[in-house]
ModelCIF file with pLDDT and N, C-alpha, C, O atoms, coordinates in Angstrom:
data_MODEL
#
_entry.id   MODEL 
#
_entity.id                         1 
_entity.type                       polymer 
_entity.pdbx_number_of_molecules   1 
#
_entity_poly.entity_id                      1 
_entity_poly.type                           'polypeptide(L)' 
_entity_poly.nstd_linkage                   no 
_entity_poly.nstd_monomer                   no 
_entity_poly.pdbx_seq_one_letter_code       PLGQLMAAKLTDRVFFRGQRWEFTLNPGPFNVKEHVLITIFANAGSGL 
_entity_poly.pdbx_seq_one_letter_code_can   PLGQLMAAKLTDRVFFRGQRWEFTLNPGPFNVKEHVLITIFANAGSGL 
_entity_poly.pdbx_strand_id                 A 
#
loop_
_entity_poly_seq.entity_id 
_entity_poly_seq.num 
_entity_poly_seq.mon_id 
_entity_poly_seq.hetero 
1 1  PRO n 
1 2  LEU n 
1 3  GLY n 
1 4  GLN n 
1 5  LEU n 
1 6  MET n 
1 7  ALA n 
1 8  ALA n 
1 9  LYS n 
1 10 LEU n 
1 11 THR n 
1 12 ASP n 
1 13 ARG n 
1 14 VAL n 
1 15 PHE n 
1 16 PHE n 
1 17 ARG n 
1 18 GLY n 
1 19 GLN n 
1 20 ARG n 
1 21 TRP n 
1 22 GLU n 
1 23 PHE n 
1 24 THR n 
1 25 LEU n 
1 26 ASN n 
1 27 PRO n 
1 28 GLY n 
1 29 PRO n 
1 30 PHE n 
1 31 ASN n 
1 32 VAL n 
1 33 LYS n 
1 34 GLU n 
1 35 HIS n 
1 36 VAL n 
1 37 LEU n 
1 38 ILE n 
1 39 THR n 
1 40 ILE n 
1 41 PHE n 
1 42 ALA n 
1 43 ASN n 
1 44 ALA n 
1 45 GLY n 
1 46 SER n 
1 47 GLY n 
1 48 LEU n 
#
_struct_asym.id          A 
_struct_asym.entity_id   1 
#
loop_
_ma_qa_metric.id 
_ma_qa_metric.mode 
_ma_qa_metric.name 
_ma_qa_metric.software_group_id 
_ma_qa_metric.type 
1 global pLDDT . pLDDT 
2 local  pLDDT . pLDDT 
#
_ma_qa_metric_global.metric_id      1 
_ma_qa_metric_global.metric_value   86.04 
_ma_qa_metric_global.model_id       1 
_ma_qa_metric_global.ordinal_id     1 
#
loop_
_ma_qa_metric_local.label_asym_id 
_ma_qa_metric_local.label_comp_id 
_ma_qa_metric_local.label_seq_id 
_ma_qa_metric_local.metric_id 
_ma_qa_metric_local.metric_value 
_ma_qa_metric_local.model_id 
_ma_qa_metric_local.ordinal_id 
A PRO 1  2 84.00 1 1  
A LEU 2  2 87.00 1 2  
A GLY 3  2 90.00 1 3  
A GLN 4  2 88.00 1 4  
A LEU 5  2 89.00 1 5  
A MET 6  2 92.00 1 6  
A ALA 7  2 91.00 1 7  
A ALA 8  2 90.00 1 8  
A LYS 9  2 89.00 1 9  
A LEU 10 2 89.00 1 10 
A THR 11 2 86.00 1 11 
A ASP 12 2 84.00 1 12 
A ARG 13 2 85.00 1 13 
A VAL 14 2 82.00 1 14 
A PHE 15 2 80.00 1 15 
A PHE 16 2 72.00 1 16 
A ARG 17 2 76.00 1 17 
A GLY 18 2 70.00 1 18 
A GLN 19 2 71.00 1 19 
A ARG 20 2 73.00 1 20 
A TRP 21 2 74.00 1 21 
A GLU 22 2 77.00 1 22 
A PHE 23 2 78.00 1 23 
A THR 24 2 85.00 1 24 
A LEU 25 2 88.00 1 25 
A ASN 26 2 88.00 1 26 
A PRO 27 2 90.00 1 27 
A GLY 28 2 89.00 1 28 
A PRO 29 2 92.00 1 29 
A PHE 30 2 92.00 1 30 
A ASN 31 2 93.00 1 31 
A VAL 32 2 92.00 1 32 
A LYS 33 2 93.00 1 33 
A GLU 34 2 93.00 1 34 
A HIS 35 2 94.00 1 35 
A VAL 36 2 94.00 1 36 
A LEU 37 2 94.00 1 37 
A ILE 38 2 94.00 1 38 
A THR 39 2 92.00 1 39 
A ILE 40 2 92.00 1 40 
A PHE 41 2 93.00 1 41 
A ALA 42 2 90.00 1 42 
A ASN 43 2 87.00 1 43 
A ALA 44 2 87.00 1 44 
A GLY 45 2 84.00 1 45 
A SER 46 2 82.00 1 46 
A GLY 47 2 77.00 1 47 
A LEU 48 2 78.00 1 48 
#
loop_
_atom_site.group_PDB 
_atom_site.id 
_atom_site.type_symbol 
_atom_site.label_atom_id 
_atom_site.label_alt_id 
_atom_site.label_comp_id 
_atom_site.label_asym_id 
_atom_site.label_entity_id 
_atom_site.label_seq_id 
_atom_site.pdbx_PDB_ins_code 
_atom_site.Cartn_x 
_atom_site.Cartn_y 
_atom_site.Cartn_z 
_atom_site.occupancy 
_atom_site.B_iso_or_equiv 
_atom_site.pdbx_formal_charge 
_atom_site.auth_seq_id 
_atom_site.auth_comp_id 
_atom_site.auth_asym_id 
_atom_site.auth_atom_id 
_atom_site.pdbx_PDB_model_num 
ATOM 1   N N  . PRO A 1 1  ? 0.819  -1.228  0.000   1.00 84.00 ? 1  PRO A N  1 
ATOM 2   C CA . PRO A 1 1  ? 0.000  0.000   0.000   1.00 84.00 ? 1  PRO A CA 1 
ATOM 3   C C  . PRO A 1 1  ? 0.845  1.266   0.000   1.00 84.00 ? 1  PRO A C  1 
ATOM 4   O O  . PRO A 1 1  ? 0.438  2.289   -0.552  1.00 84.00 ? 1  PRO A O  1 
ATOM 5   N N  . LEU A 1 2  ? 2.029  1.198   0.623   1.00 87.00 ? 2  LEU A N  1 
ATOM 6   C CA . LEU A 1 2  ? 2.902  2.375   0.619   1.00 87.00 ? 2  LEU A CA 1 
ATOM 7   C C  . LEU A 1 2  ? 3.416  2.663   -0.786  1.00 87.00 ? 2  LEU A C  1 
ATOM 8   O O  . LEU A 1 2  ? 3.448  3.814   -1.222  1.00 87.00 ? 2  LEU A O  1 
ATOM 9   N N  . GLY A 1 3  ? 3.817  1.606   -1.493  1.00 90.00 ? 3  GLY A N  1 
ATOM 10  C CA . GLY A 1 3  ? 4.278  1.788   -2.866  1.00 90.00 ? 3  GLY A CA 1 
ATOM 11  C C  . GLY A 1 3  ? 3.180  2.304   -3.770  1.00 90.00 ? 3  GLY A C  1 
ATOM 12  O O  . GLY A 1 3  ? 3.424  3.169   -4.612  1.00 90.00 ? 3  GLY A O  1 
ATOM 13  N N  . GLN A 1 4  ? 1.978  1.788   -3.609  1.00 88.00 ? 4  GLN A N  1 
ATOM 14  C CA . GLN A 1 4  ? 0.849  2.254   -4.413  1.00 88.00 ? 4  GLN A CA 1 
ATOM 15  C C  . GLN A 1 4  ? 0.485  3.699   -4.073  1.00 88.00 ? 4  GLN A C  1 
ATOM 16  O O  . GLN A 1 4  ? 0.114  4.475   -4.954  1.00 88.00 ? 4  GLN A O  1 
ATOM 17  N N  . LEU A 1 5  ? 0.594  4.054   -2.792  1.00 89.00 ? 5  LEU A N  1 
ATOM 18  C CA . LEU A 1 5  ? 0.330  5.437   -2.387  1.00 89.00 ? 5  LEU A CA 1 
ATOM 19  C C  . LEU A 1 5  ? 1.350  6.389   -3.005  1.00 89.00 ? 5  LEU A C  1 
ATOM 20  O O  . LEU A 1 5  ? 0.982  7.464   -3.480  1.00 89.00 ? 5  LEU A O  1 
ATOM 21  N N  . MET A 1 6  ? 2.623  6.008   -3.005  1.00 92.00 ? 6  MET A N  1 
ATOM 22  C CA . MET A 1 6  ? 3.652  6.854   -3.604  1.00 92.00 ? 6  MET A CA 1 
ATOM 23  C C  . MET A 1 6  ? 3.442  6.980   -5.108  1.00 92.00 ? 6  MET A C  1 
ATOM 24  O O  . MET A 1 6  ? 3.671  8.043   -5.685  1.00 92.00 ? 6  MET A O  1 
ATOM 25  N N  . ALA A 1 7  ? 3.006  5.893   -5.740  1.00 91.00 ? 7  ALA A N  1 
ATOM 26  C CA . ALA A 1 7  ? 2.745  5.947   -7.181  1.00 91.00 ? 7  ALA A CA 1 
ATOM 27  C C  . ALA A 1 7  ? 1.583  6.880   -7.495  1.00 91.00 ? 7  ALA A C  1 
ATOM 28  O O  . ALA A 1 7  ? 1.544  7.496   -8.560  1.00 91.00 ? 7  ALA A O  1 
ATOM 29  N N  . ALA A 1 8  ? 0.630  6.984   -6.560  1.00 90.00 ? 8  ALA A N  1 
ATOM 30  C CA . ALA A 1 8  ? -0.540 7.828   -6.787  1.00 90.00 ? 8  ALA A CA 1 
ATOM 31  C C  . ALA A 1 8  ? -0.284 9.293   -6.451  1.00 90.00 ? 8  ALA A C  1 
ATOM 32  O O  . ALA A 1 8  ? -0.886 10.171  -7.070  1.00 90.00 ? 8  ALA A O  1 
ATOM 33  N N  . LYS A 1 9  ? 0.592  9.583   -5.490  1.00 89.00 ? 9  LYS A N  1 
ATOM 34  C CA . LYS A 1 9  ? 0.725  10.939  -4.963  1.00 89.00 ? 9  LYS A CA 1 
ATOM 35  C C  . LYS A 1 9  ? 2.003  11.669  -5.376  1.00 89.00 ? 9  LYS A C  1 
ATOM 36  O O  . LYS A 1 9  ? 2.006  12.896  -5.467  1.00 89.00 ? 9  LYS A O  1 
ATOM 37  N N  . LEU A 1 10 ? 3.097  10.927  -5.629  1.00 89.00 ? 10 LEU A N  1 
ATOM 38  C CA . LEU A 1 10 ? 4.354  11.602  -5.964  1.00 89.00 ? 10 LEU A CA 1 
ATOM 39  C C  . LEU A 1 10 ? 4.265  12.255  -7.343  1.00 89.00 ? 10 LEU A C  1 
ATOM 40  O O  . LEU A 1 10 ? 3.549  11.787  -8.228  1.00 89.00 ? 10 LEU A O  1 
ATOM 41  N N  . THR A 1 11 ? 4.998  13.325  -7.497  1.00 86.00 ? 11 THR A N  1 
ATOM 42  C CA . THR A 1 11 ? 5.027  14.007  -8.788  1.00 86.00 ? 11 THR A CA 1 
ATOM 43  C C  . THR A 1 11 ? 5.701  13.138  -9.839  1.00 86.00 ? 11 THR A C  1 
ATOM 44  O O  . THR A 1 11 ? 6.644  12.406  -9.540  1.00 86.00 ? 11 THR A O  1 
ATOM 45  N N  . ASP A 1 12 ? 5.210  13.222  -11.075 1.00 84.00 ? 12 ASP A N  1 
ATOM 46  C CA . ASP A 1 12 ? 5.830  12.485  -12.180 1.00 84.00 ? 12 ASP A CA 1 
ATOM 47  C C  . ASP A 1 12 ? 6.752  13.385  -13.008 1.00 84.00 ? 12 ASP A C  1 
ATOM 48  O O  . ASP A 1 12 ? 7.126  13.043  -14.129 1.00 84.00 ? 12 ASP A O  1 
ATOM 49  N N  . ARG A 1 13 ? 7.106  14.526  -12.445 1.00 85.00 ? 13 ARG A N  1 
ATOM 50  C CA . ARG A 1 13 ? 8.009  15.456  -13.139 1.00 85.00 ? 13 ARG A CA 1 
ATOM 51  C C  . ARG A 1 13 ? 9.358  14.788  -13.403 1.00 85.00 ? 13 ARG A C  1 
ATOM 52  O O  . ARG A 1 13 ? 9.877  14.057  -12.559 1.00 85.00 ? 13 ARG A O  1 
ATOM 53  N N  . VAL A 1 14 ? 9.919  15.050  -14.593 1.00 82.00 ? 14 VAL A N  1 
ATOM 54  C CA . VAL A 1 14 ? 11.215 14.500  -14.968 1.00 82.00 ? 14 VAL A CA 1 
ATOM 55  C C  . VAL A 1 14 ? 12.282 15.560  -14.683 1.00 82.00 ? 14 VAL A C  1 
ATOM 56  O O  . VAL A 1 14 ? 12.230 16.665  -15.222 1.00 82.00 ? 14 VAL A O  1 
ATOM 57  N N  . PHE A 1 15 ? 13.232 15.216  -13.846 1.00 80.00 ? 15 PHE A N  1 
ATOM 58  C CA . PHE A 1 15 ? 14.323 16.118  -13.499 1.00 80.00 ? 15 PHE A CA 1 
ATOM 59  C C  . PHE A 1 15 ? 15.502 15.887  -14.442 1.00 80.00 ? 15 PHE A C  1 
ATOM 60  O O  . PHE A 1 15 ? 15.763 14.759  -14.858 1.00 80.00 ? 15 PHE A O  1 
ATOM 61  N N  . PHE A 1 16 ? 16.214 16.974  -14.776 1.00 72.00 ? 16 PHE A N  1 
ATOM 62  C CA . PHE A 1 16 ? 17.385 16.915  -15.660 1.00 72.00 ? 16 PHE A CA 1 
ATOM 63  C C  . PHE A 1 16 ? 17.023 16.247  -16.992 1.00 72.00 ? 16 PHE A C  1 
ATOM 64  O O  . PHE A 1 16 ? 17.774 15.412  -17.496 1.00 72.00 ? 16 PHE A O  1 
ATOM 65  N N  . ARG A 1 17 ? 15.884 16.614  -17.551 1.00 76.00 ? 17 ARG A N  1 
ATOM 66  C CA . ARG A 1 17 ? 15.414 15.996  -18.791 1.00 76.00 ? 17 ARG A CA 1 
ATOM 67  C C  . ARG A 1 17 ? 16.458 16.123  -19.903 1.00 76.00 ? 17 ARG A C  1 
ATOM 68  O O  . ARG A 1 17 ? 17.024 17.193  -20.127 1.00 76.00 ? 17 ARG A O  1 
ATOM 69  N N  . GLY A 1 18 ? 16.691 15.025  -20.579 1.00 70.00 ? 18 GLY A N  1 
ATOM 70  C CA . GLY A 1 18 ? 17.625 15.000  -21.688 1.00 70.00 ? 18 GLY A CA 1 
ATOM 71  C C  . GLY A 1 18 ? 19.075 14.873  -21.294 1.00 70.00 ? 18 GLY A C  1 
ATOM 72  O O  . GLY A 1 18 ? 19.939 14.754  -22.162 1.00 70.00 ? 18 GLY A O  1 
ATOM 73  N N  . GLN A 1 19 ? 19.365 14.895  -20.009 1.00 71.00 ? 19 GLN A N  1 
ATOM 74  C CA . GLN A 1 19 ? 20.746 14.777  -19.557 1.00 71.00 ? 19 GLN A CA 1 
ATOM 75  C C  . GLN A 1 19 ? 21.024 13.360  -19.066 1.00 71.00 ? 19 GLN A C  1 
ATOM 76  O O  . GLN A 1 19 ? 20.121 12.529  -18.970 1.00 71.00 ? 19 GLN A O  1 
ATOM 77  N N  . ARG A 1 20 ? 22.271 13.107  -18.762 1.00 73.00 ? 20 ARG A N  1 
ATOM 78  C CA . ARG A 1 20 ? 22.681 11.771  -18.327 1.00 73.00 ? 20 ARG A CA 1 
ATOM 79  C C  . ARG A 1 20 ? 22.019 11.387  -17.013 1.00 73.00 ? 20 ARG A C  1 
ATOM 80  O O  . ARG A 1 20 ? 21.731 10.213  -16.785 1.00 73.00 ? 20 ARG A O  1 
ATOM 81  N N  . TRP A 1 21 ? 21.774 12.371  -16.141 1.00 74.00 ? 21 TRP A N  1 
ATOM 82  C CA . TRP A 1 21 ? 21.231 12.092  -14.810 1.00 74.00 ? 21 TRP A CA 1 
ATOM 83  C C  . TRP A 1 21 ? 19.710 12.252  -14.761 1.00 74.00 ? 21 TRP A C  1 
ATOM 84  O O  . TRP A 1 21 ? 19.147 12.473  -13.689 1.00 74.00 ? 21 TRP A O  1 
ATOM 85  N N  . GLU A 1 22 ? 19.055 12.145  -15.889 1.00 77.00 ? 22 GLU A N  1 
ATOM 86  C CA . GLU A 1 22 ? 17.601 12.301  -15.943 1.00 77.00 ? 22 GLU A CA 1 
ATOM 87  C C  . GLU A 1 22 ? 16.917 11.258  -15.046 1.00 77.00 ? 22 GLU A C  1 
ATOM 88  O O  . GLU A 1 22 ? 17.257 10.075  -15.081 1.00 77.00 ? 22 GLU A O  1 
ATOM 89  N N  . PHE A 1 23 ? 15.955 11.714  -14.248 1.00 78.00 ? 23 PHE A N  1 
ATOM 90  C CA . PHE A 1 23 ? 15.211 10.776  -13.413 1.00 78.00 ? 23 PHE A CA 1 
ATOM 91  C C  . PHE A 1 23 ? 13.878 11.391  -13.012 1.00 78.00 ? 23 PHE A C  1 
ATOM 92  O O  . PHE A 1 23 ? 13.659 12.596  -13.143 1.00 78.00 ? 23 PHE A O  1 
ATOM 93  N N  . THR A 1 24 ? 13.001 10.536  -12.525 1.00 85.00 ? 24 THR A N  1 
ATOM 94  C CA . THR A 1 24 ? 11.707 10.972  -12.018 1.00 85.00 ? 24 THR A CA 1 
ATOM 95  C C  . THR A 1 24 ? 11.397 10.225  -10.733 1.00 85.00 ? 24 THR A C  1 
ATOM 96  O O  . THR A 1 24 ? 11.785 9.068   -10.567 1.00 85.00 ? 24 THR A O  1 
ATOM 97  N N  . LEU A 1 25 ? 10.700 10.889  -9.829  1.00 88.00 ? 25 LEU A N  1 
ATOM 98  C CA . LEU A 1 25 ? 10.327 10.240  -8.572  1.00 88.00 ? 25 LEU A CA 1 
ATOM 99  C C  . LEU A 1 25 ? 9.189  9.238   -8.753  1.00 88.00 ? 25 LEU A C  1 
ATOM 100 O O  . LEU A 1 25 ? 8.971  8.374   -7.904  1.00 88.00 ? 25 LEU A O  1 
ATOM 101 N N  . ASN A 1 26 ? 8.463  9.362   -9.870  1.00 88.00 ? 26 ASN A N  1 
ATOM 102 C CA . ASN A 1 26 ? 7.277  8.527   -10.069 1.00 88.00 ? 26 ASN A CA 1 
ATOM 103 C C  . ASN A 1 26 ? 7.226  8.036   -11.515 1.00 88.00 ? 26 ASN A C  1 
ATOM 104 O O  . ASN A 1 26 ? 6.595  8.674   -12.358 1.00 88.00 ? 26 ASN A O  1 
ATOM 105 N N  . PRO A 1 27 ? 7.885  6.903   -11.816 1.00 90.00 ? 27 PRO A N  1 
ATOM 106 C CA . PRO A 1 27 ? 7.912  6.409   -13.206 1.00 90.00 ? 27 PRO A CA 1 
ATOM 107 C C  . PRO A 1 27 ? 6.664  5.652   -13.623 1.00 90.00 ? 27 PRO A C  1 
ATOM 108 O O  . PRO A 1 27 ? 6.612  5.141   -14.742 1.00 90.00 ? 27 PRO A O  1 
ATOM 109 N N  . GLY A 1 28 ? 5.651  5.562   -12.761 1.00 89.00 ? 28 GLY A N  1 
ATOM 110 C CA . GLY A 1 28 ? 4.441  4.840   -13.138 1.00 89.00 ? 28 GLY A CA 1 
ATOM 111 C C  . GLY A 1 28 ? 3.930  3.976   -11.996 1.00 89.00 ? 28 GLY A C  1 
ATOM 112 O O  . GLY A 1 28 ? 4.324  4.174   -10.846 1.00 89.00 ? 28 GLY A O  1 
ATOM 113 N N  . PRO A 1 29 ? 3.064  3.024   -12.296 1.00 92.00 ? 29 PRO A N  1 
ATOM 114 C CA . PRO A 1 29 ? 2.495  2.155   -11.253 1.00 92.00 ? 29 PRO A CA 1 
ATOM 115 C C  . PRO A 1 29 ? 3.579  1.375   -10.501 1.00 92.00 ? 29 PRO A C  1 
ATOM 116 O O  . PRO A 1 29 ? 4.616  1.024   -11.065 1.00 92.00 ? 29 PRO A O  1 
ATOM 117 N N  . PHE A 1 30 ? 3.317  1.116   -9.230  1.00 92.00 ? 30 PHE A N  1 
ATOM 118 C CA . PHE A 1 30 ? 4.217  0.307   -8.401  1.00 92.00 ? 30 PHE A CA 1 
ATOM 119 C C  . PHE A 1 30 ? 4.240  -1.106  -8.971  1.00 92.00 ? 30 PHE A C  1 
ATOM 120 O O  . PHE A 1 30 ? 3.196  -1.751  -9.069  1.00 92.00 ? 30 PHE A O  1 
ATOM 121 N N  . ASN A 1 31 ? 5.446  -1.600  -9.355  1.00 93.00 ? 31 ASN A N  1 
ATOM 122 C CA . ASN A 1 31 ? 5.513  -2.871  -10.076 1.00 93.00 ? 31 ASN A CA 1 
ATOM 123 C C  . ASN A 1 31 ? 6.228  -3.956  -9.275  1.00 93.00 ? 31 ASN A C  1 
ATOM 124 O O  . ASN A 1 31 ? 6.857  -3.680  -8.253  1.00 93.00 ? 31 ASN A O  1 
ATOM 125 N N  . VAL A 1 32 ? 6.122  -5.179  -9.751  1.00 92.00 ? 32 VAL A N  1 
ATOM 126 C CA . VAL A 1 32 ? 6.594  -6.342  -9.010  1.00 92.00 ? 32 VAL A CA 1 
ATOM 127 C C  . VAL A 1 32 ? 8.115  -6.369  -8.880  1.00 92.00 ? 32 VAL A C  1 
ATOM 128 O O  . VAL A 1 32 ? 8.627  -6.855  -7.871  1.00 92.00 ? 32 VAL A O  1 
ATOM 129 N N  . LYS A 1 33 ? 8.851  -5.864  -9.867  1.00 93.00 ? 33 LYS A N  1 
ATOM 130 C CA . LYS A 1 33 ? 10.313 -5.913  -9.783  1.00 93.00 ? 33 LYS A CA 1 
ATOM 131 C C  . LYS A 1 33 ? 10.839 -4.944  -8.721  1.00 93.00 ? 33 LYS A C  1 
ATOM 132 O O  . LYS A 1 33 ? 11.798 -5.254  -8.014  1.00 93.00 ? 33 LYS A O  1 
ATOM 133 N N  . GLU A 1 34 ? 10.211 -3.774  -8.614  1.00 93.00 ? 34 GLU A N  1 
ATOM 134 C CA . GLU A 1 34 ? 10.536 -2.900  -7.492  1.00 93.00 ? 34 GLU A CA 1 
ATOM 135 C C  . GLU A 1 34 ? 10.284 -3.629  -6.175  1.00 93.00 ? 34 GLU A C  1 
ATOM 136 O O  . GLU A 1 34 ? 11.095 -3.575  -5.250  1.00 93.00 ? 34 GLU A O  1 
ATOM 137 N N  . HIS A 1 35 ? 9.167  -4.295  -6.113  1.00 94.00 ? 35 HIS A N  1 
ATOM 138 C CA . HIS A 1 35 ? 8.761  -5.001  -4.899  1.00 94.00 ? 35 HIS A CA 1 
ATOM 139 C C  . HIS A 1 35 ? 9.764  -6.087  -4.536  1.00 94.00 ? 35 HIS A C  1 
ATOM 140 O O  . HIS A 1 35 ? 10.077 -6.268  -3.359  1.00 94.00 ? 35 HIS A O  1 
ATOM 141 N N  . VAL A 1 36 ? 10.271 -6.811  -5.528  1.00 94.00 ? 36 VAL A N  1 
ATOM 142 C CA . VAL A 1 36 ? 11.266 -7.855  -5.272  1.00 94.00 ? 36 VAL A CA 1 
ATOM 143 C C  . VAL A 1 36 ? 12.527 -7.252  -4.656  1.00 94.00 ? 36 VAL A C  1 
ATOM 144 O O  . VAL A 1 36 ? 13.069 -7.796  -3.695  1.00 94.00 ? 36 VAL A O  1 
ATOM 145 N N  . LEU A 1 37 ? 12.991 -6.139  -5.201  1.00 94.00 ? 37 LEU A N  1 
ATOM 146 C CA . LEU A 1 37 ? 14.208 -5.529  -4.674  1.00 94.00 ? 37 LEU A CA 1 
ATOM 147 C C  . LEU A 1 37 ? 13.997 -4.993  -3.256  1.00 94.00 ? 37 LEU A C  1 
ATOM 148 O O  . LEU A 1 37 ? 14.900 -5.072  -2.423  1.00 94.00 ? 37 LEU A O  1 
ATOM 149 N N  . ILE A 1 38 ? 12.816 -4.454  -2.982  1.00 94.00 ? 38 ILE A N  1 
ATOM 150 C CA . ILE A 1 38 ? 12.519 -4.026  -1.607  1.00 94.00 ? 38 ILE A CA 1 
ATOM 151 C C  . ILE A 1 38 ? 12.585 -5.226  -0.670  1.00 94.00 ? 38 ILE A C  1 
ATOM 152 O O  . ILE A 1 38 ? 13.083 -5.118  0.450   1.00 94.00 ? 38 ILE A O  1 
ATOM 153 N N  . THR A 1 39 ? 12.084 -6.366  -1.129  1.00 92.00 ? 39 THR A N  1 
ATOM 154 C CA . THR A 1 39 ? 12.125 -7.589  -0.319  1.00 92.00 ? 39 THR A CA 1 
ATOM 155 C C  . THR A 1 39 ? 13.555 -8.079  -0.120  1.00 92.00 ? 39 THR A C  1 
ATOM 156 O O  . THR A 1 39 ? 13.877 -8.635  0.930   1.00 92.00 ? 39 THR A O  1 
ATOM 157 N N  . ILE A 1 40 ? 14.413 -7.878  -1.116  1.00 92.00 ? 40 ILE A N  1 
ATOM 158 C CA . ILE A 1 40 ? 15.830 -8.242  -0.959  1.00 92.00 ? 40 ILE A CA 1 
ATOM 159 C C  . ILE A 1 40 ? 16.455 -7.396  0.151   1.00 92.00 ? 40 ILE A C  1 
ATOM 160 O O  . ILE A 1 40 ? 17.221 -7.914  0.963   1.00 92.00 ? 40 ILE A O  1 
ATOM 161 N N  . PHE A 1 41 ? 16.140 -6.115  0.193   1.00 93.00 ? 41 PHE A N  1 
ATOM 162 C CA . PHE A 1 41 ? 16.583 -5.259  1.302   1.00 93.00 ? 41 PHE A CA 1 
ATOM 163 C C  . PHE A 1 41 ? 16.046 -5.799  2.624   1.00 93.00 ? 41 PHE A C  1 
ATOM 164 O O  . PHE A 1 41 ? 16.781 -5.889  3.607   1.00 93.00 ? 41 PHE A O  1 
ATOM 165 N N  . ALA A 1 42 ? 14.759 -6.159  2.646   1.00 90.00 ? 42 ALA A N  1 
ATOM 166 C CA . ALA A 1 42 ? 14.158 -6.678  3.870   1.00 90.00 ? 42 ALA A CA 1 
ATOM 167 C C  . ALA A 1 42 ? 14.805 -7.992  4.283   1.00 90.00 ? 42 ALA A C  1 
ATOM 168 O O  . ALA A 1 42 ? 14.993 -8.239  5.474   1.00 90.00 ? 42 ALA A O  1 
ATOM 169 N N  . ASN A 1 43 ? 15.148 -8.836  3.318   1.00 87.00 ? 43 ASN A N  1 
ATOM 170 C CA . ASN A 1 43 ? 15.842 -10.089 3.643   1.00 87.00 ? 43 ASN A CA 1 
ATOM 171 C C  . ASN A 1 43 ? 17.162 -9.831  4.354   1.00 87.00 ? 43 ASN A C  1 
ATOM 172 O O  . ASN A 1 43 ? 17.541 -10.555 5.275   1.00 87.00 ? 43 ASN A O  1 
ATOM 173 N N  . ALA A 1 44 ? 17.859 -8.783  3.910   1.00 87.00 ? 44 ALA A N  1 
ATOM 174 C CA . ALA A 1 44 ? 19.119 -8.435  4.569   1.00 87.00 ? 44 ALA A CA 1 
ATOM 175 C C  . ALA A 1 44 ? 18.878 -8.039  6.018   1.00 87.00 ? 44 ALA A C  1 
ATOM 176 O O  . ALA A 1 44 ? 19.694 -8.340  6.889   1.00 87.00 ? 44 ALA A O  1 
ATOM 177 N N  . GLY A 1 45 ? 17.769 -7.368  6.279   1.00 84.00 ? 45 GLY A N  1 
ATOM 178 C CA . GLY A 1 45 ? 17.467 -6.956  7.645   1.00 84.00 ? 45 GLY A CA 1 
ATOM 179 C C  . GLY A 1 45 ? 16.913 -8.059  8.509   1.00 84.00 ? 45 GLY A C  1 
ATOM 180 O O  . GLY A 1 45 ? 17.064 -8.022  9.730   1.00 84.00 ? 45 GLY A O  1 
ATOM 181 N N  . SER A 1 46 ? 16.265 -9.057  7.895   1.00 82.00 ? 46 SER A N  1 
ATOM 182 C CA . SER A 1 46 ? 15.647 -10.119 8.692   1.00 82.00 ? 46 SER A CA 1 
ATOM 183 C C  . SER A 1 46 ? 16.613 -11.241 9.033   1.00 82.00 ? 46 SER A C  1 
ATOM 184 O O  . SER A 1 46 ? 16.339 -12.040 9.929   1.00 82.00 ? 46 SER A O  1 
ATOM 185 N N  . GLY A 1 47 ? 17.747 -11.314 8.329   1.00 77.00 ? 47 GLY A N  1 
ATOM 186 C CA . GLY A 1 47 ? 18.740 -12.338 8.645   1.00 77.00 ? 47 GLY A CA 1 
ATOM 187 C C  . GLY A 1 47 ? 19.688 -11.834 9.718   1.00 77.00 ? 47 GLY A C  1 
ATOM 188 O O  . GLY A 1 47 ? 20.383 -10.838 9.515   1.00 77.00 ? 47 GLY A O  1 
ATOM 189 N N  . LEU A 1 48 ? 19.723 -12.510 10.858  1.00 78.00 ? 48 LEU A N  1 
ATOM 190 C CA . LEU A 1 48 ? 20.547 -12.046 11.976  1.00 78.00 ? 48 LEU A CA 1 
ATOM 191 C C  . LEU A 1 48 ? 22.022 -11.976 11.586  1.00 78.00 ? 48 LEU A C  1 
ATOM 192 O O  . LEU A 1 48 ? 22.861 -11.604 12.407  1.00 78.00 ? 48 LEU A O  1 
#
């Protein structure tokens, strides 16, 4: 729900458009591959 909330509320403005460091805070719907990587971070925290 947090990822879906960020996808709904964060700005989709593109920063540094056309440059090498171009990025956006909101590239679209919260997707499964993002979710997998978040879980990999969580796995690191859950393993003593």
